[in-house]
Amino acid sequence: MESLLLVGVFEGLIIFLLILLKRRKSESDNLLSAFFLLYSLNTFLSYLEIYNRTHGFPNPMFFFISTPFLFLHWPLIWLYVKSLTDQHFSFKPIYLLHLLPFTLCVILFSFGYYTRPLAEKVTILQTESFRQQWDYPLVILAMAVSSLVYFSWAVLLVRRYNRQIKVYFSETSAYD
């Protein structure tokens, strides 16, 4: 199981490097490469968490560290889709609002987990008492809602783009 995660990390890094080494990169390429880098980072952090659990907690400081990064996957996918479907796409500062769920999760975990003593973190993990904390269902729900919202939003962008393309190419009969 653990070795499969490392395979995923290296696959993501290889795809990231392939896109990065591409000669004429577009903004879409940059966003896609950022996604694969994020995917590799998140998978590696998940690997560290699993490794810690299965090997007697040698590095308990890595617990709960991969969770906030899950809030960055869908915004990056959405930005990628937006960059492909918007003819005049450019990154705008307003897009930084998509970092808000990630930031809130880091703040929440900073108070709930990151600042706790290492021995207490190990106890929380061994007893799985984090599942009884008020923030656990909140984070799970936020991840589910975030995924659903961003997926639906990306589908709407693609549908709108398909309609625009059909209108754009519907005037080709005069060129035949």
N, C-alpha and C. Protein backbone atom coordinates (compact mmCIF):
# COMPACT_ATOMS: atom_id res chain seq x y z
N MET A 1 0.83 -1.20 0.00
CA MET A 1 0.00 0.00 0.00
C MET A 1 0.87 1.25 0.00
N GLU A 2 1.83 1.31 0.91
CA GLU A 2 2.68 2.49 1.01
C GLU A 2 3.48 2.72 -0.27
N SER A 3 3.98 1.63 -0.85
CA SER A 3 4.79 1.78 -2.06
C SER A 3 3.95 2.28 -3.23
N LEU A 4 2.66 1.95 -3.27
CA LEU A 4 1.79 2.47 -4.33
C LEU A 4 1.67 3.99 -4.24
N LEU A 5 1.64 4.51 -3.02
CA LEU A 5 1.58 5.96 -2.86
C LEU A 5 2.85 6.61 -3.41
N LEU A 6 3.99 5.99 -3.16
CA LEU A 6 5.23 6.55 -3.69
C LEU A 6 5.27 6.50 -5.21
N VAL A 7 4.69 5.45 -5.80
CA VAL A 7 4.58 5.38 -7.26
C VAL A 7 3.75 6.57 -7.75
N GLY A 8 2.65 6.86 -7.06
CA GLY A 8 1.82 8.01 -7.42
C GLY A 8 2.57 9.32 -7.30
N VAL A 9 3.40 9.44 -6.27
CA VAL A 9 4.20 10.65 -6.09
C VAL A 9 5.13 10.83 -7.29
N PHE A 10 5.84 9.77 -7.67
CA PHE A 10 6.78 9.87 -8.78
C PHE A 10 6.08 10.07 -10.12
N GLU A 11 4.92 9.46 -10.30
CA GLU A 11 4.16 9.69 -11.53
C GLU A 11 3.76 11.16 -11.64
N GLY A 12 3.27 11.72 -10.55
CA GLY A 12 2.89 13.13 -10.55
C GLY A 12 4.08 14.03 -10.83
N LEU A 13 5.23 13.70 -10.25
CA LEU A 13 6.43 14.51 -10.47
C LEU A 13 6.91 14.42 -11.91
N ILE A 14 6.80 13.23 -12.50
CA ILE A 14 7.21 13.06 -13.90
C ILE A 14 6.31 13.88 -14.81
N ILE A 15 5.00 13.82 -14.58
CA ILE A 15 4.08 14.61 -15.41
C ILE A 15 4.34 16.11 -15.21
N PHE A 16 4.58 16.51 -13.96
CA PHE A 16 4.91 17.90 -13.66
C PHE A 16 6.14 18.34 -14.46
N LEU A 17 7.19 17.51 -14.44
CA LEU A 17 8.41 17.85 -15.17
C LEU A 17 8.21 17.87 -16.68
N LEU A 18 7.42 16.94 -17.19
CA LEU A 18 7.15 16.93 -18.63
C LEU A 18 6.45 18.21 -19.07
N ILE A 19 5.48 18.65 -18.29
CA ILE A 19 4.78 19.89 -18.63
C ILE A 19 5.72 21.08 -18.45
N LEU A 20 6.51 21.04 -17.40
CA LEU A 20 7.43 22.14 -17.11
C LEU A 20 8.49 22.31 -18.22
N LEU A 21 8.91 21.20 -18.81
CA LEU A 21 9.94 21.24 -19.85
C LEU A 21 9.38 21.53 -21.25
N LYS A 22 8.08 21.62 -21.35
CA LYS A 22 7.45 21.93 -22.62
C LYS A 22 7.94 23.31 -23.09
N ARG A 23 8.15 23.46 -24.38
CA ARG A 23 8.75 24.71 -24.88
C ARG A 23 7.82 25.91 -24.79
N ARG A 24 6.69 25.85 -25.42
CA ARG A 24 5.76 26.98 -25.41
C ARG A 24 4.61 26.67 -24.46
N LYS A 25 4.77 27.11 -23.24
CA LYS A 25 3.75 26.82 -22.23
C LYS A 25 2.70 27.93 -22.20
N SER A 26 1.47 27.51 -22.05
CA SER A 26 0.38 28.45 -21.86
C SER A 26 0.07 28.55 -20.37
N GLU A 27 -0.82 29.44 -20.04
CA GLU A 27 -1.27 29.55 -18.65
C GLU A 27 -1.92 28.25 -18.20
N SER A 28 -2.63 27.60 -19.11
CA SER A 28 -3.25 26.30 -18.81
C SER A 28 -2.20 25.27 -18.44
N ASP A 29 -1.10 25.26 -19.17
CA ASP A 29 -0.01 24.32 -18.88
C ASP A 29 0.56 24.57 -17.49
N ASN A 30 0.74 25.84 -17.15
CA ASN A 30 1.26 26.18 -15.82
C ASN A 30 0.32 25.71 -14.71
N LEU A 31 -0.98 25.88 -14.93
CA LEU A 31 -1.95 25.44 -13.92
C LEU A 31 -1.97 23.92 -13.81
N LEU A 32 -1.89 23.24 -14.94
CA LEU A 32 -1.89 21.78 -14.92
C LEU A 32 -0.63 21.26 -14.24
N SER A 33 0.50 21.87 -14.52
CA SER A 33 1.73 21.42 -13.86
C SER A 33 1.67 21.69 -12.36
N ALA A 34 1.07 22.81 -11.97
CA ALA A 34 0.90 23.11 -10.54
C ALA A 34 0.01 22.06 -9.89
N PHE A 35 -1.03 21.62 -10.62
CA PHE A 35 -1.91 20.58 -10.07
C PHE A 35 -1.13 19.29 -9.82
N PHE A 36 -0.31 18.88 -10.78
CA PHE A 36 0.43 17.62 -10.59
C PHE A 36 1.49 17.75 -9.51
N LEU A 37 2.07 18.91 -9.35
CA LEU A 37 2.99 19.13 -8.25
C LEU A 37 2.25 19.05 -6.91
N LEU A 38 1.09 19.67 -6.84
CA LEU A 38 0.26 19.60 -5.63
C LEU A 38 -0.16 18.16 -5.34
N TYR A 39 -0.57 17.44 -6.38
CA TYR A 39 -0.95 16.04 -6.25
C TYR A 39 0.20 15.23 -5.65
N SER A 40 1.41 15.45 -6.16
CA SER A 40 2.58 14.71 -5.65
C SER A 40 2.86 15.07 -4.20
N LEU A 41 2.80 16.35 -3.88
CA LEU A 41 3.04 16.80 -2.52
C LEU A 41 2.01 16.20 -1.56
N ASN A 42 0.74 16.28 -1.94
CA ASN A 42 -0.31 15.76 -1.08
C ASN A 42 -0.20 14.26 -0.90
N THR A 43 0.12 13.56 -1.96
CA THR A 43 0.27 12.10 -1.87
C THR A 43 1.46 11.74 -0.99
N PHE A 44 2.55 12.49 -1.11
CA PHE A 44 3.73 12.23 -0.28
C PHE A 44 3.41 12.50 1.20
N LEU A 45 2.69 13.56 1.48
CA LEU A 45 2.31 13.84 2.88
C LEU A 45 1.38 12.76 3.43
N SER A 46 0.50 12.25 2.58
CA SER A 46 -0.36 11.13 2.99
C SER A 46 0.48 9.89 3.27
N TYR A 47 1.47 9.67 2.42
CA TYR A 47 2.40 8.55 2.64
C TYR A 47 3.08 8.68 4.01
N LEU A 48 3.55 9.88 4.34
CA LEU A 48 4.20 10.08 5.63
C LEU A 48 3.26 9.79 6.79
N GLU A 49 1.99 10.18 6.65
CA GLU A 49 1.02 9.91 7.70
C GLU A 49 0.80 8.41 7.87
N ILE A 50 0.66 7.69 6.77
CA ILE A 50 0.45 6.24 6.84
C ILE A 50 1.71 5.56 7.37
N TYR A 51 2.86 5.99 6.91
CA TYR A 51 4.12 5.42 7.38
C TYR A 51 4.24 5.59 8.90
N ASN A 52 3.90 6.77 9.39
CA ASN A 52 3.97 7.02 10.83
C ASN A 52 3.05 6.09 11.61
N ARG A 53 1.85 5.90 11.12
CA ARG A 53 0.89 5.02 11.82
C ARG A 53 1.36 3.57 11.84
N THR A 54 1.94 3.14 10.74
CA THR A 54 2.30 1.71 10.64
C THR A 54 3.69 1.41 11.18
N HIS A 55 4.46 2.43 11.54
CA HIS A 55 5.82 2.20 12.02
C HIS A 55 6.08 2.81 13.40
N GLY A 56 5.05 2.88 14.21
CA GLY A 56 5.24 3.29 15.60
C GLY A 56 5.42 4.78 15.84
N PHE A 57 4.89 5.61 14.96
CA PHE A 57 4.89 7.07 15.13
C PHE A 57 6.29 7.68 15.25
N PRO A 58 7.19 7.42 14.30
CA PRO A 58 8.52 8.02 14.40
C PRO A 58 8.52 9.54 14.17
N ASN A 59 7.56 10.05 13.41
CA ASN A 59 7.48 11.49 13.12
C ASN A 59 6.05 11.99 13.28
N PRO A 60 5.56 12.11 14.51
CA PRO A 60 4.16 12.49 14.70
C PRO A 60 3.85 13.92 14.27
N MET A 61 4.86 14.72 13.99
CA MET A 61 4.60 16.09 13.55
C MET A 61 3.97 16.14 12.16
N PHE A 62 4.00 15.03 11.42
CA PHE A 62 3.43 15.01 10.08
C PHE A 62 1.95 14.61 10.05
N PHE A 63 1.34 14.42 11.19
CA PHE A 63 -0.07 14.05 11.19
C PHE A 63 -0.95 15.24 10.91
N PHE A 64 -2.02 14.99 10.17
CA PHE A 64 -3.02 15.98 9.78
C PHE A 64 -2.43 17.06 8.87
N ILE A 65 -1.29 16.81 8.31
CA ILE A 65 -0.65 17.83 7.47
C ILE A 65 -1.12 17.75 6.02
N SER A 66 -1.59 16.61 5.58
CA SER A 66 -2.01 16.49 4.18
C SER A 66 -3.45 16.98 3.96
N THR A 67 -4.25 16.97 5.00
CA THR A 67 -5.67 17.30 4.85
C THR A 67 -5.93 18.68 4.26
N PRO A 68 -5.30 19.75 4.75
CA PRO A 68 -5.61 21.07 4.17
C PRO A 68 -5.31 21.16 2.67
N PHE A 69 -4.30 20.42 2.21
CA PHE A 69 -3.95 20.49 0.79
C PHE A 69 -5.04 19.93 -0.11
N LEU A 70 -5.92 19.10 0.45
CA LEU A 70 -7.04 18.59 -0.34
C LEU A 70 -7.96 19.72 -0.80
N PHE A 71 -7.95 20.82 -0.05
CA PHE A 71 -8.79 21.96 -0.42
C PHE A 71 -8.21 22.77 -1.57
N LEU A 72 -7.04 22.40 -2.05
CA LEU A 72 -6.43 23.11 -3.18
C LEU A 72 -6.62 22.37 -4.51
N HIS A 73 -6.95 21.09 -4.46
CA HIS A 73 -7.08 20.30 -5.69
C HIS A 73 -8.17 20.84 -6.61
N TRP A 74 -9.37 20.96 -6.10
CA TRP A 74 -10.48 21.38 -6.95
C TRP A 74 -10.37 22.81 -7.43
N PRO A 75 -9.91 23.76 -6.59
CA PRO A 75 -9.72 25.10 -7.15
C PRO A 75 -8.71 25.13 -8.30
N LEU A 76 -7.66 24.32 -8.20
CA LEU A 76 -6.69 24.27 -9.31
C LEU A 76 -7.30 23.64 -10.55
N ILE A 77 -8.10 22.60 -10.38
CA ILE A 77 -8.80 22.00 -11.52
C ILE A 77 -9.74 23.02 -12.15
N TRP A 78 -10.48 23.75 -11.31
CA TRP A 78 -11.40 24.76 -11.81
C TRP A 78 -10.64 25.84 -12.59
N LEU A 79 -9.53 26.32 -12.03
CA LEU A 79 -8.74 27.33 -12.73
C LEU A 79 -8.21 26.80 -14.07
N TYR A 80 -7.82 25.53 -14.07
CA TYR A 80 -7.35 24.91 -15.32
C TYR A 80 -8.48 24.88 -16.36
N VAL A 81 -9.65 24.44 -15.95
CA VAL A 81 -10.80 24.40 -16.87
C VAL A 81 -11.15 25.81 -17.33
N LYS A 82 -11.14 26.76 -16.41
CA LYS A 82 -11.44 28.15 -16.76
C LYS A 82 -10.42 28.68 -17.76
N SER A 83 -9.16 28.35 -17.57
CA SER A 83 -8.13 28.82 -18.50
C SER A 83 -8.30 28.22 -19.89
N LEU A 84 -8.86 27.03 -19.97
CA LEU A 84 -9.09 26.38 -21.27
C LEU A 84 -10.35 26.91 -21.95
N THR A 85 -11.33 27.29 -21.16
CA THR A 85 -12.63 27.68 -21.72
C THR A 85 -12.81 29.19 -21.86
N ASP A 86 -11.94 29.97 -21.30
CA ASP A 86 -12.02 31.43 -21.39
C ASP A 86 -10.92 31.91 -22.34
N GLN A 87 -11.34 32.48 -23.46
CA GLN A 87 -10.40 32.87 -24.49
C GLN A 87 -9.41 33.93 -24.00
N HIS A 88 -9.84 34.77 -23.10
CA HIS A 88 -9.00 35.87 -22.60
C HIS A 88 -8.62 35.66 -21.14
N PHE A 89 -8.35 34.42 -20.78
CA PHE A 89 -8.04 34.11 -19.38
C PHE A 89 -6.72 34.74 -18.97
N SER A 90 -6.75 35.34 -17.81
CA SER A 90 -5.52 35.77 -17.13
C SER A 90 -5.81 35.66 -15.64
N PHE A 91 -4.78 35.36 -14.90
CA PHE A 91 -4.96 35.19 -13.47
C PHE A 91 -5.28 36.55 -12.85
N LYS A 92 -6.33 36.57 -12.03
CA LYS A 92 -6.77 37.81 -11.37
C LYS A 92 -6.61 37.64 -9.87
N PRO A 93 -6.31 38.71 -9.17
CA PRO A 93 -6.17 38.62 -7.71
C PRO A 93 -7.40 38.07 -7.00
N ILE A 94 -8.57 38.25 -7.57
CA ILE A 94 -9.80 37.74 -6.95
C ILE A 94 -9.77 36.22 -6.84
N TYR A 95 -9.01 35.58 -7.72
CA TYR A 95 -8.91 34.12 -7.69
C TYR A 95 -8.23 33.61 -6.42
N LEU A 96 -7.52 34.50 -5.75
CA LEU A 96 -6.87 34.10 -4.49
C LEU A 96 -7.90 33.75 -3.41
N LEU A 97 -9.14 34.17 -3.60
CA LEU A 97 -10.20 33.79 -2.65
C LEU A 97 -10.40 32.28 -2.61
N HIS A 98 -10.00 31.61 -3.67
CA HIS A 98 -10.13 30.15 -3.70
C HIS A 98 -9.19 29.48 -2.69
N LEU A 99 -8.24 30.22 -2.16
CA LEU A 99 -7.34 29.71 -1.13
C LEU A 99 -7.96 29.77 0.26
N LEU A 100 -9.10 30.39 0.38
CA LEU A 100 -9.74 30.58 1.68
C LEU A 100 -10.04 29.27 2.42
N PRO A 101 -10.64 28.24 1.79
CA PRO A 101 -10.86 26.99 2.53
C PRO A 101 -9.56 26.35 3.02
N PHE A 102 -8.52 26.38 2.20
CA PHE A 102 -7.22 25.87 2.61
C PHE A 102 -6.70 26.63 3.83
N THR A 103 -6.75 27.94 3.76
CA THR A 103 -6.27 28.78 4.85
C THR A 103 -7.06 28.55 6.12
N LEU A 104 -8.38 28.47 6.00
CA LEU A 104 -9.21 28.22 7.19
C LEU A 104 -8.91 26.86 7.80
N CYS A 105 -8.68 25.86 6.97
CA CYS A 105 -8.35 24.53 7.48
C CYS A 105 -7.01 24.54 8.20
N VAL A 106 -6.03 25.24 7.66
CA VAL A 106 -4.72 25.34 8.32
C VAL A 106 -4.87 26.03 9.67
N ILE A 107 -5.65 27.11 9.71
CA ILE A 107 -5.87 27.81 10.98
C ILE A 107 -6.58 26.91 11.97
N LEU A 108 -7.62 26.24 11.52
CA LEU A 108 -8.38 25.33 12.39
C LEU A 108 -7.48 24.22 12.94
N PHE A 109 -6.68 23.62 12.08
CA PHE A 109 -5.79 22.55 12.53
C PHE A 109 -4.64 23.07 13.38
N SER A 110 -4.26 24.33 13.17
CA SER A 110 -3.20 24.91 14.01
C SER A 110 -3.64 24.96 15.46
N PHE A 111 -4.89 25.32 15.68
CA PHE A 111 -5.39 25.37 17.05
C PHE A 111 -5.75 23.99 17.58
N GLY A 112 -6.23 23.11 16.69
CA GLY A 112 -6.70 21.81 17.14
C GLY A 112 -5.66 20.71 17.21
N TYR A 113 -4.65 20.77 16.32
CA TYR A 113 -3.71 19.65 16.24
C TYR A 113 -2.24 20.06 16.16
N TYR A 114 -1.92 21.00 15.30
CA TYR A 114 -0.51 21.30 15.03
C TYR A 114 0.26 21.78 16.25
N THR A 115 -0.41 22.50 17.13
CA THR A 115 0.29 23.07 18.30
C THR A 115 0.30 22.15 19.51
N ARG A 116 -0.34 21.01 19.41
CA ARG A 116 -0.37 20.08 20.54
C ARG A 116 0.98 19.38 20.71
N PRO A 117 1.28 18.97 21.93
CA PRO A 117 2.52 18.21 22.14
C PRO A 117 2.50 16.90 21.33
N LEU A 118 3.65 16.43 20.92
CA LEU A 118 3.74 15.25 20.06
C LEU A 118 3.11 14.01 20.71
N ALA A 119 3.32 13.84 22.03
CA ALA A 119 2.74 12.69 22.72
C ALA A 119 1.21 12.73 22.68
N GLU A 120 0.66 13.92 22.78
CA GLU A 120 -0.80 14.06 22.73
C GLU A 120 -1.32 13.75 21.32
N LYS A 121 -0.56 14.15 20.30
CA LYS A 121 -0.95 13.82 18.92
C LYS A 121 -1.00 12.31 18.71
N VAL A 122 0.00 11.62 19.24
CA VAL A 122 0.05 10.16 19.11
C VAL A 122 -1.17 9.54 19.79
N THR A 123 -1.51 10.02 20.97
CA THR A 123 -2.68 9.50 21.69
C THR A 123 -3.96 9.74 20.90
N ILE A 124 -4.08 10.92 20.34
CA ILE A 124 -5.27 11.25 19.53
C ILE A 124 -5.38 10.29 18.35
N LEU A 125 -4.26 9.98 17.73
CA LEU A 125 -4.28 9.09 16.58
C LEU A 125 -4.51 7.64 16.96
N GLN A 126 -3.89 7.20 18.04
CA GLN A 126 -4.07 5.81 18.46
C GLN A 126 -5.50 5.52 18.88
N THR A 127 -6.11 6.46 19.56
CA THR A 127 -7.49 6.28 20.03
C THR A 127 -8.52 6.74 19.01
N GLU A 128 -8.04 7.39 17.94
CA GLU A 128 -8.91 7.99 16.93
C GLU A 128 -9.94 8.93 17.54
N SER A 129 -9.54 9.61 18.59
CA SER A 129 -10.45 10.54 19.25
C SER A 129 -10.70 11.80 18.43
N PHE A 130 -9.91 12.01 17.39
CA PHE A 130 -10.15 13.17 16.52
C PHE A 130 -11.51 13.08 15.84
N ARG A 131 -12.03 11.85 15.72
CA ARG A 131 -13.35 11.67 15.11
C ARG A 131 -14.49 12.21 15.98
N GLN A 132 -14.23 12.35 17.27
CA GLN A 132 -15.24 12.90 18.17
C GLN A 132 -15.13 14.42 18.32
N GLN A 133 -14.11 15.02 17.75
CA GLN A 133 -13.94 16.47 17.82
C GLN A 133 -14.99 17.14 16.93
N TRP A 134 -15.35 18.35 17.26
CA TRP A 134 -16.36 19.08 16.49
C TRP A 134 -15.88 19.43 15.08
N ASP A 135 -14.57 19.55 14.89
CA ASP A 135 -14.07 19.98 13.60
C ASP A 135 -13.98 18.85 12.57
N TYR A 136 -13.96 17.61 13.00
CA TYR A 136 -13.83 16.49 12.07
C TYR A 136 -14.99 16.43 11.07
N PRO A 137 -16.25 16.39 11.55
CA PRO A 137 -17.34 16.36 10.56
C PRO A 137 -17.41 17.64 9.73
N LEU A 138 -17.01 18.75 10.32
CA LEU A 138 -17.01 20.02 9.59
C LEU A 138 -16.04 19.98 8.41
N VAL A 139 -14.85 19.46 8.63
CA VAL A 139 -13.85 19.38 7.56
C VAL A 139 -14.29 18.38 6.50
N ILE A 140 -14.83 17.25 6.91
CA ILE A 140 -15.31 16.25 5.95
C ILE A 140 -16.44 16.83 5.09
N LEU A 141 -17.37 17.51 5.73
CA LEU A 141 -18.47 18.15 5.01
C LEU A 141 -17.95 19.23 4.07
N ALA A 142 -17.02 20.03 4.55
CA ALA A 142 -16.45 21.10 3.71
C ALA A 142 -15.75 20.51 2.48
N MET A 143 -15.05 19.39 2.66
CA MET A 143 -14.40 18.75 1.51
C MET A 143 -15.43 18.25 0.50
N ALA A 144 -16.49 17.64 1.00
CA ALA A 144 -17.53 17.13 0.10
C ALA A 144 -18.22 18.26 -0.65
N VAL A 145 -18.59 19.31 0.07
CA VAL A 145 -19.26 20.45 -0.56
C VAL A 145 -18.33 21.13 -1.56
N SER A 146 -17.08 21.32 -1.18
CA SER A 146 -16.11 21.95 -2.06
C SER A 146 -15.95 21.15 -3.35
N SER A 147 -15.82 19.84 -3.23
CA SER A 147 -15.69 18.99 -4.42
C SER A 147 -16.89 19.11 -5.33
N LEU A 148 -18.07 19.05 -4.73
CA LEU A 148 -19.30 19.12 -5.51
C LEU A 148 -19.45 20.47 -6.20
N VAL A 149 -19.18 21.54 -5.47
CA VAL A 149 -19.32 22.89 -6.04
C VAL A 149 -18.33 23.11 -7.17
N TYR A 150 -17.07 22.78 -6.96
CA TYR A 150 -16.06 23.01 -8.00
C TYR A 150 -16.28 22.11 -9.22
N PHE A 151 -16.68 20.87 -8.98
CA PHE A 151 -16.96 19.97 -10.11
C PHE A 151 -18.12 20.52 -10.94
N SER A 152 -19.20 20.90 -10.25
CA SER A 152 -20.37 21.43 -10.96
C SER A 152 -20.02 22.71 -11.71
N TRP A 153 -19.25 23.56 -11.07
CA TRP A 153 -18.85 24.82 -11.69
C TRP A 153 -18.00 24.57 -12.94
N ALA A 154 -17.09 23.62 -12.87
CA ALA A 154 -16.26 23.28 -14.03
C ALA A 154 -17.11 22.71 -15.16
N VAL A 155 -18.09 21.88 -14.83
CA VAL A 155 -18.99 21.33 -15.85
C VAL A 155 -19.76 22.45 -16.52
N LEU A 156 -20.23 23.42 -15.72
CA LEU A 156 -20.95 24.56 -16.30
C LEU A 156 -20.06 25.37 -17.24
N LEU A 157 -18.80 25.55 -16.87
CA LEU A 157 -17.86 26.26 -17.75
C LEU A 157 -17.69 25.53 -19.08
N VAL A 158 -17.57 24.21 -19.02
CA VAL A 158 -17.39 23.42 -20.24
C VAL A 158 -18.65 23.48 -21.10
N ARG A 159 -19.81 23.38 -20.48
CA ARG A 159 -21.07 23.46 -21.25
C ARG A 159 -21.23 24.81 -21.92
N ARG A 160 -20.92 25.87 -21.18
CA ARG A 160 -21.01 27.22 -21.75
C ARG A 160 -20.03 27.36 -22.92
N TYR A 161 -18.86 26.82 -22.76
CA TYR A 161 -17.85 26.88 -23.81
C TYR A 161 -18.32 26.10 -25.04
N ASN A 162 -18.92 24.94 -24.84
CA ASN A 162 -19.45 24.15 -25.96
C ASN A 162 -20.50 24.93 -26.74
N ARG A 163 -21.38 25.63 -26.03
CA ARG A 163 -22.41 26.44 -26.70
C ARG A 163 -21.76 27.58 -27.49
N GLN A 164 -20.74 28.21 -26.91
CA GLN A 164 -20.06 29.31 -27.60
C GLN A 164 -19.35 28.81 -28.85
N ILE A 165 -18.73 27.66 -28.77
CA ILE A 165 -18.02 27.10 -29.92
C ILE A 165 -18.99 26.77 -31.04
N LYS A 166 -20.15 26.20 -30.69
CA LYS A 166 -21.14 25.87 -31.71
C LYS A 166 -21.63 27.11 -32.42
N VAL A 167 -21.85 28.18 -31.69
CA VAL A 167 -22.27 29.44 -32.31
C VAL A 167 -21.15 29.99 -33.18
N TYR A 168 -19.95 29.93 -32.69
CA TYR A 168 -18.79 30.45 -33.42
C TYR A 168 -18.60 29.71 -34.74
N PHE A 169 -18.73 28.40 -34.72
CA PHE A 169 -18.51 27.60 -35.92
C PHE A 169 -19.78 27.39 -36.75
N SER A 170 -20.90 27.90 -36.32
CA SER A 170 -22.13 27.73 -37.09
C SER A 170 -22.13 28.62 -38.33
N GLU A 171 -21.27 29.59 -38.40
CA GLU A 171 -21.18 30.51 -39.55
C GLU A 171 -20.21 30.04 -40.62
N THR A 172 -19.86 28.77 -40.63
CA THR A 172 -18.86 28.28 -41.57
C THR A 172 -19.45 27.95 -42.94
N SER A 173 -20.75 27.94 -43.12
CA SER A 173 -21.34 27.55 -44.39
C SER A 173 -20.96 28.53 -45.52
N ALA A 174 -20.70 29.77 -45.20
CA ALA A 174 -20.32 30.75 -46.23
C ALA A 174 -18.90 30.50 -46.74
N TYR A 175 -18.11 29.73 -46.01
CA TYR A 175 -16.73 29.49 -46.42
C TYR A 175 -16.56 28.25 -47.28
N ASP A 176 -17.62 27.47 -47.43
CA ASP A 176 -17.51 26.23 -48.23
C ASP A 176 -17.50 26.47 -49.70
